[in-house]
């Protein structure tokens, strides 16, 4: 599984209906699970982003389809970062000339 950090901001529609946000989070978790992935962590944040999720997905196509589906619902905008675990980081750095 590949790890992704998903940075989320509510849209105007999403913040107007913020009381429904926990239900939407549950639906997003179910959607990603149906796609073969999972949420590892979720945070409400203060600052540039409203929420941050750490997710796993089988591949980039699944992660992209998940983010696009969230965006189509109109409540959030996402930025997705592919994350390399420490072991992969060390391996990559070790191959530098």
PDB file of N, CA and C in Angstrom:
ATOM      1  N   UNK A   1       0.841  -1.188   0.000  1.00  0.00           N
ATOM      2  CA  UNK A   1       0.000   0.000   0.000  1.00  0.00           C
ATOM      3  C   UNK A   1       0.880   1.243   0.000  1.00  0.00           C
ATOM      4  N   UNK A   2       0.404   2.244  -0.663  1.00  0.00           N
ATOM      5  CA  UNK A   2       1.093   3.530  -0.707  1.00  0.00           C
ATOM      6  C   UNK A   2       0.396   4.490   0.247  1.00  0.00           C
ATOM      7  N   UNK A   3       1.190   5.312   0.926  1.00  0.00           N
ATOM      8  CA  UNK A   3       0.653   6.283   1.869  1.00  0.00           C
ATOM      9  C   UNK A   3       0.503   7.634   1.188  1.00  0.00           C
ATOM     10  N   UNK A   4      -0.587   8.315   1.508  1.00  0.00           N
ATOM     11  CA  UNK A   4      -0.868   9.643   0.973  1.00  0.00           C
ATOM     12  C   UNK A   4      -1.278  10.560   2.120  1.00  0.00           C
ATOM     13  N   UNK A   5      -0.789  11.783   2.076  1.00  0.00           N
ATOM     14  CA  UNK A   5      -1.233  12.820   2.998  1.00  0.00           C
ATOM     15  C   UNK A   5      -2.205  13.685   2.206  1.00  0.00           C
ATOM     16  N   UNK A   6      -3.431  13.793   2.697  1.00  0.00           N
ATOM     17  CA  UNK A   6      -4.468  14.549   2.001  1.00  0.00           C
ATOM     18  C   UNK A   6      -4.765  15.806   2.822  1.00  0.00           C
ATOM     19  N   UNK A   7      -4.529  16.948   2.198  1.00  0.00           N
ATOM     20  CA  UNK A   7      -4.798  18.242   2.826  1.00  0.00           C
ATOM     21  C   UNK A   7      -6.151  18.717   2.314  1.00  0.00           C
ATOM     22  N   UNK A   8      -7.048  19.077   3.230  1.00  0.00           N
ATOM     23  CA  UNK A   8      -8.417  19.409   2.834  1.00  0.00           C
ATOM     24  C   UNK A   8      -8.829  20.777   3.345  1.00  0.00           C
ATOM     25  N   UNK A   9      -9.581  21.476   2.508  1.00  0.00           N
ATOM     26  CA  UNK A   9     -10.226  22.737   2.888  1.00  0.00           C
ATOM     27  C   UNK A   9     -11.694  22.641   2.540  1.00  0.00           C
ATOM     28  N   UNK A  10     -12.534  23.143   3.451  1.00  0.00           N
ATOM     29  CA  UNK A  10     -13.950  23.204   3.149  1.00  0.00           C
ATOM     30  C   UNK A  10     -14.198  24.230   2.058  1.00  0.00           C
ATOM     31  N   UNK A  11     -15.128  23.933   1.187  1.00  0.00           N
ATOM     32  CA  UNK A  11     -15.632  24.912   0.232  1.00  0.00           C
ATOM     33  C   UNK A  11     -16.688  25.734   0.960  1.00  0.00           C
ATOM     34  N   UNK A  12     -17.230  26.719   0.281  1.00  0.00           N
ATOM     35  CA  UNK A  12     -18.313  27.501   0.884  1.00  0.00           C
ATOM     36  C   UNK A  12     -19.495  26.590   1.236  1.00  0.00           C
ATOM     37  N   UNK A  13     -19.806  25.675   0.350  1.00  0.00           N
ATOM     38  CA  UNK A  13     -20.885  24.710   0.602  1.00  0.00           C
ATOM     39  C   UNK A  13     -20.557  23.844   1.815  1.00  0.00           C
ATOM     40  N   UNK A  14     -19.312  23.383   1.889  1.00  0.00           N
ATOM     41  CA  UNK A  14     -18.909  22.498   2.982  1.00  0.00           C
ATOM     42  C   UNK A  14     -18.971  23.160   4.342  1.00  0.00           C
ATOM     43  N   UNK A  15     -18.561  24.425   4.423  1.00  0.00           N
ATOM     44  CA  UNK A  15     -18.575  25.103   5.714  1.00  0.00           C
ATOM     45  C   UNK A  15     -19.995  25.487   6.109  1.00  0.00           C
ATOM     46  N   UNK A  16     -20.846  25.784   5.124  1.00  0.00           N
ATOM     47  CA  UNK A  16     -22.247  26.079   5.446  1.00  0.00           C
ATOM     48  C   UNK A  16     -22.931  24.869   6.074  1.00  0.00           C
ATOM     49  N   UNK A  17     -22.504  23.697   5.670  1.00  0.00           N
ATOM     50  CA  UNK A  17     -23.078  22.444   6.169  1.00  0.00           C
ATOM     51  C   UNK A  17     -22.095  21.697   7.064  1.00  0.00           C
ATOM     52  N   UNK A  18     -21.310  22.431   7.833  1.00  0.00           N
ATOM     53  CA  UNK A  18     -20.235  21.823   8.622  1.00  0.00           C
ATOM     54  C   UNK A  18     -20.759  20.816   9.649  1.00  0.00           C
ATOM     55  N   UNK A  19     -21.981  21.000  10.114  1.00  0.00           N
ATOM     56  CA  UNK A  19     -22.526  20.048  11.094  1.00  0.00           C
ATOM     57  C   UNK A  19     -22.661  18.645  10.507  1.00  0.00           C
ATOM     58  N   UNK A  20     -22.721  18.561   9.186  1.00  0.00           N
ATOM     59  CA  UNK A  20     -22.804  17.264   8.506  1.00  0.00           C
ATOM     60  C   UNK A  20     -21.420  16.663   8.237  1.00  0.00           C
ATOM     61  N   UNK A  21     -20.375  17.393   8.574  1.00  0.00           N
ATOM     62  CA  UNK A  21     -19.014  16.959   8.253  1.00  0.00           C
ATOM     63  C   UNK A  21     -18.659  15.593   8.836  1.00  0.00           C
ATOM     64  N   UNK A  22     -19.008  15.274  10.102  1.00  0.00           N
ATOM     65  CA  UNK A  22     -18.686  13.929  10.598  1.00  0.00           C
ATOM     66  C   UNK A  22     -19.339  12.816   9.779  1.00  0.00           C
ATOM     67  N   UNK A  23     -20.555  13.034   9.339  1.00  0.00           N
ATOM     68  CA  UNK A  23     -21.225  12.040   8.492  1.00  0.00           C
ATOM     69  C   UNK A  23     -20.505  11.909   7.155  1.00  0.00           C
ATOM     70  N   UNK A  24     -20.064  13.042   6.607  1.00  0.00           N
ATOM     71  CA  UNK A  24     -19.335  13.002   5.329  1.00  0.00           C
ATOM     72  C   UNK A  24     -17.997  12.296   5.498  1.00  0.00           C
ATOM     73  N   UNK A  25     -17.337  12.501   6.643  1.00  0.00           N
ATOM     74  CA  UNK A  25     -16.075  11.796   6.910  1.00  0.00           C
ATOM     75  C   UNK A  25     -16.314  10.292   6.943  1.00  0.00           C
ATOM     76  N   UNK A  26     -17.369   9.867   7.624  1.00  0.00           N
ATOM     77  CA  UNK A  26     -17.686   8.432   7.664  1.00  0.00           C
ATOM     78  C   UNK A  26     -17.920   7.887   6.260  1.00  0.00           C
ATOM     79  N   UNK A  27     -18.615   8.660   5.420  1.00  0.00           N
ATOM     80  CA  UNK A  27     -18.869   8.224   4.040  1.00  0.00           C
ATOM     81  C   UNK A  27     -17.567   8.146   3.248  1.00  0.00           C
ATOM     82  N   UNK A  28     -16.657   9.101   3.475  1.00  0.00           N
ATOM     83  CA  UNK A  28     -15.363   9.088   2.782  1.00  0.00           C
ATOM     84  C   UNK A  28     -14.545   7.870   3.205  1.00  0.00           C
ATOM     85  N   UNK A  29     -14.566   7.554   4.495  1.00  0.00           N
ATOM     86  CA  UNK A  29     -13.841   6.370   4.976  1.00  0.00           C
ATOM     87  C   UNK A  29     -14.378   5.104   4.323  1.00  0.00           C
ATOM     88  N   UNK A  30     -15.707   5.018   4.237  1.00  0.00           N
ATOM     89  CA  UNK A  30     -16.326   3.851   3.610  1.00  0.00           C
ATOM     90  C   UNK A  30     -15.965   3.777   2.127  1.00  0.00           C
ATOM     91  N   UNK A  31     -16.004   4.914   1.439  1.00  0.00           N
ATOM     92  CA  UNK A  31     -15.660   4.965   0.018  1.00  0.00           C
ATOM     93  C   UNK A  31     -14.236   4.473  -0.216  1.00  0.00           C
ATOM     94  N   UNK A  32     -13.291   4.999   0.550  1.00  0.00           N
ATOM     95  CA  UNK A  32     -11.899   4.594   0.358  1.00  0.00           C
ATOM     96  C   UNK A  32     -11.720   3.108   0.669  1.00  0.00           C
ATOM     97  N   UNK A  33     -12.410   2.623   1.680  1.00  0.00           N
ATOM     98  CA  UNK A  33     -12.324   1.199   2.008  1.00  0.00           C
ATOM     99  C   UNK A  33     -12.845   0.353   0.852  1.00  0.00           C
ATOM    100  N   UNK A  34     -13.940   0.785   0.238  1.00  0.00           N
ATOM    101  CA  UNK A  34     -14.488   0.067  -0.920  1.00  0.00           C
ATOM    102  C   UNK A  34     -13.529   0.082  -2.103  1.00  0.00           C
ATOM    103  N   UNK A  35     -12.651   1.094  -2.166  1.00  0.00           N
ATOM    104  CA  UNK A  35     -11.662   1.191  -3.231  1.00  0.00           C
ATOM    105  C   UNK A  35     -10.390   0.413  -2.892  1.00  0.00           C
ATOM    106  N   UNK A  36     -10.350  -0.204  -1.730  1.00  0.00           N
ATOM    107  CA  UNK A  36      -9.193  -0.998  -1.342  1.00  0.00           C
ATOM    108  C   UNK A  36      -8.202  -0.270  -0.459  1.00  0.00           C
ATOM    109  N   UNK A  37      -8.549   0.915   0.010  1.00  0.00           N
ATOM    110  CA  UNK A  37      -7.646   1.696   0.855  1.00  0.00           C
ATOM    111  C   UNK A  37      -8.212   1.887   2.245  1.00  0.00           C
ATOM    112  N   UNK A  38      -7.574   2.790   3.001  1.00  0.00           N
ATOM    113  CA  UNK A  38      -8.046   3.064   4.356  1.00  0.00           C
ATOM    114  C   UNK A  38      -7.499   4.390   4.857  1.00  0.00           C
ATOM    115  N   UNK A  39      -8.211   4.951   5.820  1.00  0.00           N
ATOM    116  CA  UNK A  39      -7.730   6.114   6.563  1.00  0.00           C
ATOM    117  C   UNK A  39      -6.863   5.593   7.699  1.00  0.00           C
ATOM    118  N   UNK A  40      -5.698   6.152   7.875  1.00  0.00           N
ATOM    119  CA  UNK A  40      -4.837   5.793   9.000  1.00  0.00           C
ATOM    120  C   UNK A  40      -4.981   6.804  10.128  1.00  0.00           C
ATOM    121  N   UNK A  41      -5.101   8.088   9.767  1.00  0.00           N
ATOM    122  CA  UNK A  41      -5.261   9.149  10.751  1.00  0.00           C
ATOM    123  C   UNK A  41      -6.083  10.263  10.124  1.00  0.00           C
ATOM    124  N   UNK A  42      -6.767  11.017  10.979  1.00  0.00           N
ATOM    125  CA  UNK A  42      -7.528  12.170  10.529  1.00  0.00           C
ATOM    126  C   UNK A  42      -7.431  13.254  11.594  1.00  0.00           C
ATOM    127  N   UNK A  43      -7.230  14.500  11.152  1.00  0.00           N
ATOM    128  CA  UNK A  43      -7.099  15.621  12.074  1.00  0.00           C
ATOM    129  C   UNK A  43      -7.900  16.818  11.582  1.00  0.00           C
ATOM    130  N   UNK A  44      -8.576  17.495  12.496  1.00  0.00           N
ATOM    131  CA  UNK A  44      -9.084  18.836  12.265  1.00  0.00           C
ATOM    132  C   UNK A  44      -7.909  19.741  12.588  1.00  0.00           C
ATOM    133  N   UNK A  45      -7.591  20.678  11.707  1.00  0.00           N
ATOM    134  CA  UNK A  45      -6.389  21.491  11.907  1.00  0.00           C
ATOM    135  C   UNK A  45      -6.720  22.978  11.875  1.00  0.00           C
ATOM    136  N   UNK A  46      -5.814  23.741  12.430  1.00  0.00           N
ATOM    137  CA  UNK A  46      -5.913  25.199  12.414  1.00  0.00           C
ATOM    138  C   UNK A  46      -4.773  25.713  11.544  1.00  0.00           C
ATOM    139  N   UNK A  47      -5.064  26.654  10.698  1.00  0.00           N
ATOM    140  CA  UNK A  47      -4.027  27.190   9.820  1.00  0.00           C
ATOM    141  C   UNK A  47      -4.491  27.159   8.384  1.00  0.00           C
ATOM    142  N   UNK A  48      -3.565  26.894   7.481  1.00  0.00           N
ATOM    143  CA  UNK A  48      -3.856  26.951   6.052  1.00  0.00           C
ATOM    144  C   UNK A  48      -4.874  25.901   5.607  1.00  0.00           C
ATOM    145  N   UNK A  49      -4.887  24.752   6.273  1.00  0.00           N
ATOM    146  CA  UNK A  49      -5.805  23.673   5.899  1.00  0.00           C
ATOM    147  C   UNK A  49      -6.771  23.406   7.047  1.00  0.00           C
ATOM    148  N   UNK A  50      -7.987  23.016   6.692  1.00  0.00           N
ATOM    149  CA  UNK A  50      -9.014  22.745   7.685  1.00  0.00           C
ATOM    150  C   UNK A  50      -8.892  21.348   8.282  1.00  0.00           C
ATOM    151  N   UNK A  51      -8.420  20.405   7.467  1.00  0.00           N
ATOM    152  CA  UNK A  51      -8.294  19.016   7.900  1.00  0.00           C
ATOM    153  C   UNK A  51      -7.102  18.380   7.204  1.00  0.00           C
ATOM    154  N   UNK A  52      -6.554  17.349   7.834  1.00  0.00           N
ATOM    155  CA  UNK A  52      -5.471  16.564   7.252  1.00  0.00           C
ATOM    156  C   UNK A  52      -5.795  15.092   7.485  1.00  0.00           C
ATOM    157  N   UNK A  53      -5.670  14.294   6.439  1.00  0.00           N
ATOM    158  CA  UNK A  53      -5.875  12.849   6.559  1.00  0.00           C
ATOM    159  C   UNK A  53      -4.633  12.126   6.066  1.00  0.00           C
ATOM    160  N   UNK A  54      -4.292  11.068   6.745  1.00  0.00           N
ATOM    161  CA  UNK A  54      -3.232  10.168   6.290  1.00  0.00           C
ATOM    162  C   UNK A  54      -3.951   8.898   5.858  1.00  0.00           C
ATOM    163  N   UNK A  55      -3.804   8.581   4.580  1.00  0.00           N
ATOM    164  CA  UNK A  55      -4.541   7.455   3.998  1.00  0.00           C
ATOM    165  C   UNK A  55      -3.586   6.500   3.300  1.00  0.00           C
ATOM    166  N   UNK A  56      -4.069   5.290   3.085  1.00  0.00           N
ATOM    167  CA  UNK A  56      -3.354   4.327   2.260  1.00  0.00           C
ATOM    168  C   UNK A  56      -4.268   3.918   1.118  1.00  0.00           C
ATOM    169  N   UNK A  57      -3.671   3.722  -0.046  1.00  0.00           N
ATOM    170  CA  UNK A  57      -4.398   3.253  -1.221  1.00  0.00           C
ATOM    171  C   UNK A  57      -3.503   2.294  -1.990  1.00  0.00           C
ATOM    172  N   UNK A  58      -4.098   1.399  -2.757  1.00  0.00           N
ATOM    173  CA  UNK A  58      -3.303   0.424  -3.506  1.00  0.00           C
ATOM    174  C   UNK A  58      -2.366   1.051  -4.527  1.00  0.00           C
ATOM    175  N   UNK A  59      -2.765   2.197  -5.107  1.00  0.00           N
ATOM    176  CA  UNK A  59      -1.924   2.831  -6.118  1.00  0.00           C
ATOM    177  C   UNK A  59      -2.375   4.275  -6.343  1.00  0.00           C
ATOM    178  N   UNK A  60      -1.621   4.986  -7.181  1.00  0.00           N
ATOM    179  CA  UNK A  60      -1.923   6.394  -7.451  1.00  0.00           C
ATOM    180  C   UNK A  60      -3.282   6.585  -8.116  1.00  0.00           C
ATOM    181  N   UNK A  61      -3.692   5.652  -8.958  1.00  0.00           N
ATOM    182  CA  UNK A  61      -4.974   5.786  -9.645  1.00  0.00           C
ATOM    183  C   UNK A  61      -6.123   5.755  -8.643  1.00  0.00           C
ATOM    184  N   UNK A  62      -6.053   4.884  -7.656  1.00  0.00           N
ATOM    185  CA  UNK A  62      -7.091   4.813  -6.628  1.00  0.00           C
ATOM    186  C   UNK A  62      -7.098   6.097  -5.811  1.00  0.00           C
ATOM    187  N   UNK A  63      -5.919   6.580  -5.432  1.00  0.00           N
ATOM    188  CA  UNK A  63      -5.830   7.830  -4.662  1.00  0.00           C
ATOM    189  C   UNK A  63      -6.419   8.996  -5.455  1.00  0.00           C
ATOM    190  N   UNK A  64      -6.130   9.050  -6.743  1.00  0.00           N
ATOM    191  CA  UNK A  64      -6.659  10.122  -7.585  1.00  0.00           C
ATOM    192  C   UNK A  64      -8.174  10.013  -7.715  1.00  0.00           C
ATOM    193  N   UNK A  65      -8.667   8.809  -7.934  1.00  0.00           N
ATOM    194  CA  UNK A  65     -10.111   8.612  -8.059  1.00  0.00           C
ATOM    195  C   UNK A  65     -10.815   8.990  -6.757  1.00  0.00           C
ATOM    196  N   UNK A  66     -10.213   8.663  -5.623  1.00  0.00           N
ATOM    197  CA  UNK A  66     -10.783   9.018  -4.327  1.00  0.00           C
ATOM    198  C   UNK A  66     -10.848  10.539  -4.165  1.00  0.00           C
ATOM    199  N   UNK A  67      -9.745  11.228  -4.445  1.00  0.00           N
ATOM    200  CA  UNK A  67      -9.714  12.689  -4.310  1.00  0.00           C
ATOM    201  C   UNK A  67     -10.699  13.358  -5.262  1.00  0.00           C
ATOM    202  N   UNK A  68     -10.784  12.867  -6.485  1.00  0.00           N
ATOM    203  CA  UNK A  68     -11.725  13.431  -7.450  1.00  0.00           C
ATOM    204  C   UNK A  68     -13.175  13.227  -7.005  1.00  0.00           C
ATOM    205  N   UNK A  69     -13.471  12.067  -6.450  1.00  0.00           N
ATOM    206  CA  UNK A  69     -14.822  11.796  -5.968  1.00  0.00           C
ATOM    207  C   UNK A  69     -15.176  12.726  -4.819  1.00  0.00           C
ATOM    208  N   UNK A  70     -14.240  12.948  -3.901  1.00  0.00           N
ATOM    209  CA  UNK A  70     -14.489  13.894  -2.813  1.00  0.00           C
ATOM    210  C   UNK A  70     -14.781  15.283  -3.377  1.00  0.00           C
ATOM    211  N   UNK A  71     -13.980  15.715  -4.334  1.00  0.00           N
ATOM    212  CA  UNK A  71     -14.164  17.033  -4.933  1.00  0.00           C
ATOM    213  C   UNK A  71     -15.487  17.173  -5.651  1.00  0.00           C
ATOM    214  N   UNK A  72     -15.942  16.115  -6.301  1.00  0.00           N
ATOM    215  CA  UNK A  72     -17.203  16.161  -7.038  1.00  0.00           C
ATOM    216  C   UNK A  72     -18.396  16.410  -6.119  1.00  0.00           C
ATOM    217  N   UNK A  73     -18.277  16.026  -4.860  1.00  0.00           N
ATOM    218  CA  UNK A  73     -19.382  16.240  -3.920  1.00  0.00           C
ATOM    219  C   UNK A  73     -19.531  17.703  -3.524  1.00  0.00           C
ATOM    220  N   UNK A  74     -18.480  18.512  -3.757  1.00  0.00           N
ATOM    221  CA  UNK A  74     -18.578  19.952  -3.574  1.00  0.00           C
ATOM    222  C   UNK A  74     -18.350  20.499  -2.176  1.00  0.00           C
ATOM    223  N   UNK A  75     -17.982  19.642  -1.229  1.00  0.00           N
ATOM    224  CA  UNK A  75     -17.809  20.105   0.150  1.00  0.00           C
ATOM    225  C   UNK A  75     -16.370  20.415   0.527  1.00  0.00           C
ATOM    226  N   UNK A  76     -15.419  19.819  -0.183  1.00  0.00           N
ATOM    227  CA  UNK A  76     -14.005  20.040   0.127  1.00  0.00           C
ATOM    228  C   UNK A  76     -13.196  20.155  -1.161  1.00  0.00           C
ATOM    229  N   UNK A  77     -12.059  20.800  -1.017  1.00  0.00           N
ATOM    230  CA  UNK A  77     -11.019  20.789  -2.048  1.00  0.00           C
ATOM    231  C   UNK A  77      -9.832  20.075  -1.421  1.00  0.00           C
ATOM    232  N   UNK A  78      -9.134  19.286  -2.224  1.00  0.00           N
ATOM    233  CA  UNK A  78      -8.035  18.483  -1.682  1.00  0.00           C
ATOM    234  C   UNK A  78      -6.717  18.794  -2.374  1.00  0.00           C
ATOM    235  N   UNK A  79      -5.661  18.543  -1.649  1.00  0.00           N
ATOM    236  CA  UNK A  79      -4.303  18.476  -2.190  1.00  0.00           C
ATOM    237  C   UNK A  79      -3.720  17.184  -1.641  1.00  0.00           C
ATOM    238  N   UNK A  80      -3.237  16.355  -2.533  1.00  0.00           N
ATOM    239  CA  UNK A  80      -2.768  15.040  -2.125  1.00  0.00           C
ATOM    240  C   UNK A  80      -1.266  14.926  -2.330  1.00  0.00           C
ATOM    241  N   UNK A  81      -0.590  14.464  -1.299  1.00  0.00           N
ATOM    242  CA  UNK A  81       0.853  14.267  -1.332  1.00  0.00           C
ATOM    243  C   UNK A  81       1.162  12.784  -1.203  1.00  0.00           C
ATOM    244  N   UNK A  82       1.964  12.264  -2.107  1.00  0.00           N
ATOM    245  CA  UNK A  82       2.418  10.880  -1.972  1.00  0.00           C
ATOM    246  C   UNK A  82       3.528  10.873  -0.931  1.00  0.00           C
ATOM    247  N   UNK A  83       3.420   9.987   0.036  1.00  0.00           N
ATOM    248  CA  UNK A  83       4.370   9.966   1.145  1.00  0.00           C
ATOM    249  C   UNK A  83       5.226   8.699   1.099  1.00  0.00           C
ATOM    250  N   UNK A  84       6.518   8.890   1.291  1.00  0.00           N
ATOM    251  CA  UNK A  84       7.442   7.771   1.336  1.00  0.00           C
ATOM    252  C   UNK A  84       7.799   7.499   2.795  1.00  0.00           C
ATOM    253  N   UNK A  85       7.645   6.279   3.276  1.00  0.00           N
ATOM    254  CA  UNK A  85       8.008   5.979   4.662  1.00  0.00           C
ATOM    255  C   UNK A  85       9.517   6.104   4.874  1.00  0.00           C
ATOM    256  N   UNK A  86       9.911   6.140   6.127  1.00  0.00           N
ATOM    257  CA  UNK A  86      11.328   6.367   6.449  1.00  0.00           C
ATOM    258  C   UNK A  86      12.250   5.361   5.770  1.00  0.00           C
ATOM    259  N   UNK A  87      11.875   4.102   5.726  1.00  0.00           N
ATOM    260  CA  UNK A  87      12.739   3.096   5.100  1.00  0.00           C
ATOM    261  C   UNK A  87      12.966   3.413   3.617  1.00  0.00           C
ATOM    262  N   UNK A  88      11.909   3.810   2.917  1.00  0.00           N
ATOM    263  CA  UNK A  88      12.043   4.169   1.507  1.00  0.00           C
ATOM    264  C   UNK A  88      12.875   5.434   1.349  1.00  0.00           C
ATOM    265  N   UNK A  89      12.675   6.382   2.240  1.00  0.00           N
ATOM    266  CA  UNK A  89      13.482   7.612   2.236  1.00  0.00           C
ATOM    267  C   UNK A  89      14.963   7.266   2.362  1.00  0.00           C
ATOM    268  N   UNK A  90      15.299   6.431   3.332  1.00  0.00           N
ATOM    269  CA  UNK A  90      16.706   6.058   3.542  1.00  0.00           C
ATOM    270  C   UNK A  90      17.273   5.328   2.331  1.00  0.00           C
ATOM    271  N   UNK A  91      16.474   4.469   1.735  1.00  0.00           N
ATOM    272  CA  UNK A  91      16.922   3.745   0.537  1.00  0.00           C
ATOM    273  C   UNK A  91      17.168   4.696  -0.617  1.00  0.00           C
ATOM    274  N   UNK A  92      16.245   5.625  -0.834  1.00  0.00           N
ATOM    275  CA  UNK A  92      16.417   6.611  -1.907  1.00  0.00           C
ATOM    276  C   UNK A  92      17.657   7.456  -1.703  1.00  0.00           C
ATOM    277  N   UNK A  93      17.845   7.960  -0.510  1.00  0.00           N
ATOM    278  CA  UNK A  93      19.009   8.791  -0.217  1.00  0.00           C
ATOM    279  C   UNK A  93      20.292   7.977  -0.386  1.00  0.00           C
ATOM    280  N   UNK A  94      20.237   6.697  -0.003  1.00  0.00           N
ATOM    281  CA  UNK A  94      21.408   5.827  -0.119  1.00  0.00           C
ATOM    282  C   UNK A  94      21.845   5.585  -1.546  1.00  0.00           C
ATOM    283  N   UNK A  95      20.956   5.784  -2.505  1.00  0.00           N
ATOM    284  CA  UNK A  95      21.312   5.542  -3.908  1.00  0.00           C
ATOM    285  C   UNK A  95      21.898   6.767  -4.586  1.00  0.00           C
ATOM    286  N   UNK A  96      21.934   7.886  -3.886  1.00  0.00           N
ATOM    287  CA  UNK A  96      22.484   9.103  -4.483  1.00  0.00           C
ATOM    288  C   UNK A  96      23.993   8.986  -4.664  1.00  0.00           C
ATOM    289  N   UNK A  97      24.481   9.490  -5.769  1.00  0.00           N
ATOM    290  CA  UNK A  97      25.900   9.384  -6.090  1.00  0.00           C
ATOM    291  C   UNK A  97      26.788  10.313  -5.342  1.00  0.00           C
TER     292      UNK A  97
END
